[in-house]
Amino acid sequence: MIESDCCQRCCCPNTREFTVNILDKSNPQEVIRIHREFKCCSCCGCWCGSCPHCMQEVTVESPPGTIIGTVTQVGTSFGMNYLIKDAYDTSTLYIIGPSCLCHGPATYCCENKFTLLGSDHETEIGAIHKKYSGFFRECCSNPDIFSMK
């Protein structure tokens, strides 16, 4: 279940505050909570990913109320990179996003690969790929398809 403000969903969907509640299917009890605060880039008039006011962060709790880690957007001039930290604020993974993040029907023009690096920020341990789901779906809907390798 996702909780978010209607006004933020309509006016600023990519930066809205939200809480995702993940429930245990066998026992309808919340087991994981993911939360992101609202961040508005208009305060600095900046389109650059390195603006500290624009960088996103999510907090992961399990059980709810106990922080087990965070995912923080890292400021770069090109692309989207993320730092994953555990509950002790120790870097565990680093994700390097594509320098050309394609959306909509233009997805076929470049691969959207997010490279997973170990805590040393050098050893590649895997990747997340955004798959092209067809022209109509990319053009007319929001759902994305990802695969991990």
N, C-alpha and C. Protein backbone atom coordinates (compact mmCIF):
# COMPACT_ATOMS: atom_id res chain seq x y z
N MET A 1 0.84 -1.16 0.00
CA MET A 1 0.00 0.00 0.00
C MET A 1 0.90 1.24 0.00
N ILE A 2 0.58 2.21 -0.87
CA ILE A 2 1.35 3.44 -0.95
C ILE A 2 0.49 4.59 -0.44
N GLU A 3 1.05 5.36 0.47
CA GLU A 3 0.37 6.54 0.99
C GLU A 3 1.11 7.77 0.47
N SER A 4 0.38 8.68 -0.19
CA SER A 4 0.97 9.93 -0.64
C SER A 4 -0.13 10.98 -0.78
N ASP A 5 0.27 12.23 -0.81
CA ASP A 5 -0.64 13.35 -0.88
C ASP A 5 -1.15 13.52 -2.32
N CYS A 6 -2.45 13.71 -2.48
CA CYS A 6 -3.06 13.85 -3.80
C CYS A 6 -2.47 15.04 -4.57
N CYS A 7 -2.30 16.16 -3.91
CA CYS A 7 -1.76 17.35 -4.56
C CYS A 7 -0.33 17.10 -5.05
N GLN A 8 0.50 16.46 -4.22
CA GLN A 8 1.88 16.15 -4.62
C GLN A 8 1.90 15.14 -5.76
N ARG A 9 1.01 14.16 -5.75
CA ARG A 9 0.95 13.18 -6.84
C ARG A 9 0.66 13.86 -8.17
N CYS A 10 -0.22 14.87 -8.16
CA CYS A 10 -0.61 15.55 -9.39
C CYS A 10 0.40 16.62 -9.82
N CYS A 11 0.90 17.39 -8.87
CA CYS A 11 1.74 18.55 -9.20
C CYS A 11 3.23 18.24 -9.28
N CYS A 12 3.71 17.30 -8.50
CA CYS A 12 5.15 17.00 -8.49
C CYS A 12 5.36 15.51 -8.22
N PRO A 13 4.93 14.65 -9.14
CA PRO A 13 4.95 13.21 -8.89
C PRO A 13 6.34 12.62 -8.67
N ASN A 14 7.37 13.18 -9.29
CA ASN A 14 8.72 12.61 -9.17
C ASN A 14 9.43 12.98 -7.88
N THR A 15 8.92 13.99 -7.17
CA THR A 15 9.58 14.43 -5.94
C THR A 15 8.67 14.35 -4.73
N ARG A 16 7.49 13.75 -4.89
CA ARG A 16 6.49 13.74 -3.82
C ARG A 16 6.95 12.92 -2.61
N GLU A 17 6.38 13.24 -1.47
CA GLU A 17 6.58 12.44 -0.27
C GLU A 17 5.70 11.21 -0.38
N PHE A 18 6.21 10.07 0.07
CA PHE A 18 5.38 8.87 0.08
C PHE A 18 5.85 7.90 1.15
N THR A 19 4.96 7.01 1.52
CA THR A 19 5.27 5.89 2.41
C THR A 19 4.71 4.64 1.76
N VAL A 20 5.57 3.62 1.61
CA VAL A 20 5.15 2.33 1.08
C VAL A 20 5.10 1.37 2.25
N ASN A 21 3.94 0.76 2.46
CA ASN A 21 3.76 -0.23 3.52
C ASN A 21 3.70 -1.61 2.87
N ILE A 22 4.65 -2.46 3.19
CA ILE A 22 4.69 -3.81 2.64
C ILE A 22 4.16 -4.76 3.71
N LEU A 23 3.11 -5.50 3.32
CA LEU A 23 2.42 -6.37 4.27
C LEU A 23 2.79 -7.83 4.04
N ASP A 24 2.76 -8.60 5.12
CA ASP A 24 2.92 -10.05 5.04
C ASP A 24 1.60 -10.62 4.52
N LYS A 25 1.67 -11.34 3.41
CA LYS A 25 0.45 -11.85 2.77
C LYS A 25 -0.31 -12.84 3.67
N SER A 26 0.43 -13.67 4.40
CA SER A 26 -0.23 -14.67 5.24
C SER A 26 -0.84 -14.07 6.51
N ASN A 27 -0.28 -12.96 6.96
CA ASN A 27 -0.76 -12.29 8.16
C ASN A 27 -0.77 -10.80 7.83
N PRO A 28 -1.92 -10.20 7.54
CA PRO A 28 -1.94 -8.81 7.07
C PRO A 28 -1.37 -7.82 8.08
N GLN A 29 -0.07 -7.93 8.27
CA GLN A 29 0.65 -7.06 9.20
C GLN A 29 1.80 -6.43 8.43
N GLU A 30 2.04 -5.14 8.68
CA GLU A 30 3.13 -4.43 8.02
C GLU A 30 4.48 -5.00 8.47
N VAL A 31 5.33 -5.36 7.49
CA VAL A 31 6.65 -5.91 7.83
C VAL A 31 7.79 -5.00 7.38
N ILE A 32 7.55 -4.20 6.35
CA ILE A 32 8.56 -3.26 5.86
C ILE A 32 7.88 -1.94 5.55
N ARG A 33 8.55 -0.85 5.90
CA ARG A 33 8.06 0.50 5.57
C ARG A 33 9.18 1.25 4.86
N ILE A 34 8.84 1.85 3.73
CA ILE A 34 9.79 2.67 2.96
C ILE A 34 9.21 4.07 2.91
N HIS A 35 10.01 5.08 3.30
CA HIS A 35 9.50 6.45 3.36
C HIS A 35 10.46 7.41 2.66
N ARG A 36 9.87 8.35 1.91
CA ARG A 36 10.64 9.43 1.29
C ARG A 36 9.98 10.75 1.61
N GLU A 37 10.78 11.71 2.05
CA GLU A 37 10.29 13.06 2.31
C GLU A 37 10.14 13.82 0.99
N PHE A 38 9.30 14.83 0.99
CA PHE A 38 9.12 15.68 -0.19
C PHE A 38 10.36 16.54 -0.41
N LYS A 39 10.83 16.57 -1.64
CA LYS A 39 11.95 17.45 -2.03
C LYS A 39 11.50 18.24 -3.25
N CYS A 40 11.65 19.54 -3.20
CA CYS A 40 11.24 20.38 -4.32
C CYS A 40 12.44 21.09 -4.90
N CYS A 41 12.73 20.83 -6.17
CA CYS A 41 13.89 21.44 -6.83
C CYS A 41 13.66 22.88 -7.22
N SER A 42 12.42 23.34 -7.23
CA SER A 42 12.16 24.70 -7.69
C SER A 42 12.78 25.75 -6.79
N CYS A 43 13.16 25.36 -5.57
CA CYS A 43 13.73 26.33 -4.64
C CYS A 43 15.06 26.89 -5.13
N CYS A 44 15.79 26.11 -5.93
CA CYS A 44 17.08 26.60 -6.41
C CYS A 44 17.09 26.81 -7.91
N GLY A 45 15.96 26.54 -8.59
CA GLY A 45 15.87 26.73 -10.02
C GLY A 45 16.91 25.91 -10.77
N CYS A 46 17.23 24.75 -10.26
CA CYS A 46 18.33 23.95 -10.77
C CYS A 46 17.83 22.68 -11.44
N TRP A 47 18.36 22.38 -12.61
CA TRP A 47 18.05 21.13 -13.31
C TRP A 47 19.19 20.15 -13.15
N CYS A 48 20.24 20.53 -12.46
CA CYS A 48 21.44 19.71 -12.32
C CYS A 48 21.27 18.71 -11.18
N GLY A 49 21.68 17.47 -11.40
CA GLY A 49 21.55 16.42 -10.40
C GLY A 49 22.44 16.61 -9.20
N SER A 50 23.38 17.55 -9.25
CA SER A 50 24.29 17.73 -8.12
C SER A 50 23.78 18.74 -7.11
N CYS A 51 22.60 19.30 -7.32
CA CYS A 51 22.03 20.26 -6.38
C CYS A 51 21.59 19.52 -5.12
N PRO A 52 22.14 19.86 -3.94
CA PRO A 52 21.80 19.12 -2.72
C PRO A 52 20.32 19.21 -2.34
N HIS A 53 19.64 20.26 -2.78
CA HIS A 53 18.21 20.40 -2.46
C HIS A 53 17.35 19.45 -3.27
N CYS A 54 17.89 18.92 -4.37
CA CYS A 54 17.11 18.06 -5.27
C CYS A 54 17.35 16.57 -5.03
N MET A 55 18.39 16.20 -4.32
CA MET A 55 18.72 14.79 -4.15
C MET A 55 17.70 14.09 -3.25
N GLN A 56 17.26 12.92 -3.68
CA GLN A 56 16.24 12.16 -2.97
C GLN A 56 16.87 11.16 -2.00
N GLU A 57 16.10 10.80 -0.97
CA GLU A 57 16.54 9.78 -0.02
C GLU A 57 15.32 9.02 0.48
N VAL A 58 15.44 7.70 0.54
CA VAL A 58 14.39 6.89 1.15
C VAL A 58 14.96 6.18 2.36
N THR A 59 14.12 5.99 3.36
CA THR A 59 14.48 5.28 4.57
C THR A 59 13.70 3.97 4.59
N VAL A 60 14.38 2.87 4.92
CA VAL A 60 13.75 1.56 4.96
C VAL A 60 13.72 1.09 6.41
N GLU A 61 12.53 0.69 6.87
CA GLU A 61 12.35 0.21 8.25
C GLU A 61 11.79 -1.21 8.23
N SER A 62 12.33 -2.06 9.08
CA SER A 62 11.79 -3.41 9.25
C SER A 62 12.27 -3.98 10.58
N PRO A 63 11.39 -4.26 11.50
CA PRO A 63 9.97 -3.95 11.44
C PRO A 63 9.76 -2.45 11.47
N PRO A 64 8.56 -1.97 11.09
CA PRO A 64 8.30 -0.53 11.11
C PRO A 64 8.70 0.09 12.44
N GLY A 65 9.45 1.19 12.33
CA GLY A 65 9.97 1.85 13.52
C GLY A 65 11.44 1.57 13.75
N THR A 66 11.99 0.54 13.09
CA THR A 66 13.41 0.19 13.20
C THR A 66 14.07 0.40 11.85
N ILE A 67 14.91 1.44 11.74
CA ILE A 67 15.59 1.75 10.48
C ILE A 67 16.65 0.69 10.20
N ILE A 68 16.56 0.07 9.00
CA ILE A 68 17.56 -0.92 8.61
C ILE A 68 18.48 -0.38 7.52
N GLY A 69 18.15 0.79 6.95
CA GLY A 69 19.02 1.37 5.94
C GLY A 69 18.39 2.53 5.22
N THR A 70 19.21 3.13 4.35
CA THR A 70 18.77 4.25 3.53
C THR A 70 19.31 4.09 2.11
N VAL A 71 18.62 4.71 1.18
CA VAL A 71 19.09 4.82 -0.20
C VAL A 71 19.10 6.31 -0.50
N THR A 72 20.29 6.85 -0.82
CA THR A 72 20.45 8.28 -1.02
C THR A 72 20.97 8.56 -2.42
N GLN A 73 20.34 9.51 -3.11
CA GLN A 73 20.82 9.93 -4.42
C GLN A 73 22.11 10.70 -4.21
N VAL A 74 23.11 10.40 -5.04
CA VAL A 74 24.42 11.04 -4.94
C VAL A 74 24.52 12.09 -6.04
N GLY A 75 24.99 13.27 -5.68
CA GLY A 75 25.11 14.35 -6.65
C GLY A 75 26.15 14.09 -7.72
N THR A 76 25.71 14.07 -8.96
CA THR A 76 26.60 13.94 -10.11
C THR A 76 26.11 14.89 -11.19
N SER A 77 26.98 15.27 -12.08
CA SER A 77 26.58 16.15 -13.17
C SER A 77 25.79 15.42 -14.23
N PHE A 78 26.04 14.10 -14.36
CA PHE A 78 25.35 13.30 -15.37
C PHE A 78 24.80 12.04 -14.72
N GLY A 79 23.59 11.68 -15.06
CA GLY A 79 23.01 10.44 -14.58
C GLY A 79 22.53 10.51 -13.15
N MET A 80 22.10 9.35 -12.65
CA MET A 80 21.61 9.22 -11.28
C MET A 80 22.38 8.10 -10.60
N ASN A 81 23.06 8.43 -9.53
CA ASN A 81 23.79 7.44 -8.74
C ASN A 81 23.19 7.41 -7.34
N TYR A 82 23.31 6.24 -6.69
CA TYR A 82 22.70 6.07 -5.37
C TYR A 82 23.66 5.35 -4.44
N LEU A 83 23.62 5.72 -3.17
CA LEU A 83 24.42 5.10 -2.13
C LEU A 83 23.46 4.38 -1.18
N ILE A 84 23.70 3.09 -0.96
CA ILE A 84 22.88 2.31 -0.05
C ILE A 84 23.68 2.11 1.23
N LYS A 85 23.07 2.51 2.37
CA LYS A 85 23.73 2.38 3.67
C LYS A 85 22.88 1.53 4.59
N ASP A 86 23.55 0.84 5.52
CA ASP A 86 22.83 0.03 6.49
C ASP A 86 22.40 0.88 7.68
N ALA A 87 21.86 0.24 8.70
CA ALA A 87 21.36 0.94 9.88
C ALA A 87 22.44 1.69 10.64
N TYR A 88 23.71 1.29 10.45
CA TYR A 88 24.83 1.93 11.14
C TYR A 88 25.49 3.00 10.28
N ASP A 89 24.82 3.40 9.19
CA ASP A 89 25.29 4.42 8.26
C ASP A 89 26.56 4.00 7.52
N THR A 90 26.75 2.68 7.38
CA THR A 90 27.90 2.14 6.66
C THR A 90 27.49 1.88 5.21
N SER A 91 28.30 2.35 4.28
CA SER A 91 28.03 2.14 2.87
C SER A 91 28.12 0.65 2.54
N THR A 92 27.06 0.10 1.94
CA THR A 92 27.04 -1.32 1.60
C THR A 92 27.05 -1.55 0.10
N LEU A 93 26.37 -0.70 -0.65
CA LEU A 93 26.32 -0.80 -2.11
C LEU A 93 26.33 0.59 -2.72
N TYR A 94 26.80 0.66 -3.96
CA TYR A 94 26.76 1.90 -4.72
C TYR A 94 26.14 1.57 -6.07
N ILE A 95 25.19 2.36 -6.50
CA ILE A 95 24.52 2.13 -7.78
C ILE A 95 24.87 3.26 -8.73
N ILE A 96 25.40 2.90 -9.89
CA ILE A 96 25.70 3.88 -10.93
C ILE A 96 24.60 3.79 -11.97
N GLY A 97 23.84 4.86 -12.11
CA GLY A 97 22.77 4.89 -13.10
C GLY A 97 23.30 5.27 -14.46
N PRO A 98 22.46 5.14 -15.47
CA PRO A 98 22.87 5.49 -16.83
C PRO A 98 23.04 7.00 -16.97
N SER A 99 23.95 7.42 -17.84
CA SER A 99 24.12 8.86 -18.05
C SER A 99 23.01 9.41 -18.93
N CYS A 100 22.37 8.54 -19.70
CA CYS A 100 21.23 8.91 -20.52
C CYS A 100 20.05 8.10 -20.03
N LEU A 101 19.20 8.70 -19.22
CA LEU A 101 18.03 7.98 -18.72
C LEU A 101 16.86 8.25 -19.64
N CYS A 102 16.50 7.25 -20.41
CA CYS A 102 15.44 7.41 -21.42
C CYS A 102 14.09 7.09 -20.82
N HIS A 103 13.11 7.89 -21.16
CA HIS A 103 11.74 7.68 -20.73
C HIS A 103 10.84 7.60 -21.94
N GLY A 104 9.67 7.06 -21.76
CA GLY A 104 8.67 7.05 -22.82
C GLY A 104 9.11 6.26 -24.03
N PRO A 105 8.59 6.62 -25.21
CA PRO A 105 8.87 5.85 -26.41
C PRO A 105 10.33 5.90 -26.83
N ALA A 106 11.12 6.83 -26.28
CA ALA A 106 12.53 6.92 -26.66
C ALA A 106 13.40 5.90 -25.93
N THR A 107 12.79 5.04 -25.11
CA THR A 107 13.55 4.07 -24.33
C THR A 107 14.46 3.21 -25.18
N TYR A 108 14.06 2.93 -26.40
CA TYR A 108 14.86 2.05 -27.25
C TYR A 108 16.17 2.69 -27.71
N CYS A 109 16.35 4.00 -27.52
CA CYS A 109 17.55 4.67 -28.04
C CYS A 109 18.78 4.41 -27.18
N CYS A 110 18.64 4.05 -25.94
CA CYS A 110 19.80 3.74 -25.11
C CYS A 110 19.37 2.77 -24.00
N GLU A 111 20.32 1.98 -23.54
CA GLU A 111 20.02 1.01 -22.49
C GLU A 111 20.00 1.70 -21.14
N ASN A 112 19.00 1.39 -20.35
CA ASN A 112 18.93 1.91 -18.99
C ASN A 112 19.46 0.85 -18.05
N LYS A 113 20.76 0.90 -17.79
CA LYS A 113 21.42 -0.06 -16.92
C LYS A 113 21.88 0.65 -15.65
N PHE A 114 21.55 0.07 -14.51
CA PHE A 114 22.02 0.58 -13.22
C PHE A 114 23.02 -0.45 -12.70
N THR A 115 24.29 -0.09 -12.62
CA THR A 115 25.35 -1.01 -12.22
C THR A 115 25.47 -1.03 -10.70
N LEU A 116 25.45 -2.23 -10.11
CA LEU A 116 25.59 -2.39 -8.66
C LEU A 116 27.05 -2.65 -8.33
N LEU A 117 27.63 -1.78 -7.50
CA LEU A 117 29.02 -1.93 -7.06
C LEU A 117 29.05 -2.25 -5.58
N GLY A 118 30.09 -2.96 -5.16
CA GLY A 118 30.28 -3.27 -3.75
C GLY A 118 30.63 -2.03 -2.96
N SER A 119 30.86 -2.19 -1.67
CA SER A 119 31.15 -1.05 -0.80
C SER A 119 32.44 -0.33 -1.17
N ASP A 120 33.32 -0.99 -1.96
CA ASP A 120 34.56 -0.34 -2.40
C ASP A 120 34.33 0.60 -3.59
N HIS A 121 33.10 0.64 -4.10
CA HIS A 121 32.70 1.48 -5.25
C HIS A 121 33.43 1.10 -6.53
N GLU A 122 34.03 -0.10 -6.59
CA GLU A 122 34.77 -0.54 -7.77
C GLU A 122 34.33 -1.90 -8.29
N THR A 123 34.06 -2.85 -7.40
CA THR A 123 33.74 -4.22 -7.78
C THR A 123 32.28 -4.33 -8.23
N GLU A 124 32.07 -4.68 -9.51
CA GLU A 124 30.71 -4.84 -10.01
C GLU A 124 30.15 -6.17 -9.51
N ILE A 125 29.00 -6.10 -8.83
CA ILE A 125 28.40 -7.32 -8.29
C ILE A 125 27.06 -7.66 -8.95
N GLY A 126 26.59 -6.79 -9.83
CA GLY A 126 25.34 -7.05 -10.51
C GLY A 126 24.86 -5.82 -11.25
N ALA A 127 23.65 -5.91 -11.78
CA ALA A 127 23.07 -4.79 -12.51
C ALA A 127 21.55 -4.90 -12.52
N ILE A 128 20.91 -3.76 -12.62
CA ILE A 128 19.46 -3.68 -12.80
C ILE A 128 19.24 -3.05 -14.17
N HIS A 129 18.42 -3.70 -15.00
CA HIS A 129 18.14 -3.21 -16.34
C HIS A 129 16.67 -2.83 -16.45
N LYS A 130 16.42 -1.63 -16.98
CA LYS A 130 15.04 -1.27 -17.31
C LYS A 130 14.77 -1.82 -18.70
N LYS A 131 13.77 -2.68 -18.79
CA LYS A 131 13.46 -3.33 -20.06
C LYS A 131 12.48 -2.49 -20.87
N TYR A 132 12.66 -2.52 -22.17
CA TYR A 132 11.73 -1.87 -23.08
C TYR A 132 10.47 -2.72 -23.15
N SER A 133 9.31 -2.11 -22.88
CA SER A 133 8.07 -2.89 -22.81
C SER A 133 7.13 -2.63 -23.98
N GLY A 134 7.65 -2.05 -25.04
CA GLY A 134 6.83 -1.80 -26.22
C GLY A 134 6.43 -0.34 -26.34
N PHE A 135 6.27 0.10 -27.57
CA PHE A 135 6.00 1.51 -27.83
C PHE A 135 4.74 2.00 -27.12
N PHE A 136 3.63 1.28 -27.26
CA PHE A 136 2.37 1.74 -26.68
C PHE A 136 2.45 1.85 -25.16
N ARG A 137 2.98 0.82 -24.51
CA ARG A 137 3.07 0.84 -23.05
C ARG A 137 4.00 1.96 -22.58
N GLU A 138 5.14 2.13 -23.25
CA GLU A 138 6.09 3.19 -22.86
C GLU A 138 5.48 4.57 -23.06
N CYS A 139 4.70 4.71 -24.11
CA CYS A 139 4.13 6.00 -24.46
C CYS A 139 2.91 6.37 -23.62
N CYS A 140 2.12 5.38 -23.24
CA CYS A 140 0.80 5.67 -22.67
C CYS A 140 0.59 5.20 -21.24
N SER A 141 1.60 4.68 -20.57
CA SER A 141 1.40 4.23 -19.19
C SER A 141 2.66 4.44 -18.36
N ASN A 142 2.51 4.35 -17.05
CA ASN A 142 3.63 4.57 -16.13
C ASN A 142 4.41 3.32 -15.74
N PRO A 143 3.82 2.12 -15.76
CA PRO A 143 4.55 0.94 -15.27
C PRO A 143 5.85 0.69 -16.03
N ASP A 144 6.88 0.35 -15.30
CA ASP A 144 8.18 0.00 -15.88
C ASP A 144 8.49 -1.44 -15.53
N ILE A 145 9.29 -2.08 -16.37
CA ILE A 145 9.71 -3.46 -16.15
C ILE A 145 11.21 -3.46 -15.93
N PHE A 146 11.66 -4.07 -14.84
CA PHE A 146 13.09 -4.15 -14.52
C PHE A 146 13.51 -5.61 -14.39
N SER A 147 14.77 -5.88 -14.67
CA SER A 147 15.33 -7.21 -14.43
C SER A 147 16.66 -7.04 -13.71
N MET A 148 17.03 -8.04 -12.93
CA MET A 148 18.31 -8.01 -12.20
C MET A 148 19.20 -9.12 -12.71
N LYS A 149 20.49 -8.82 -12.82
CA LYS A 149 21.47 -9.82 -13.25
C LYS A 149 22.64 -9.83 -12.30
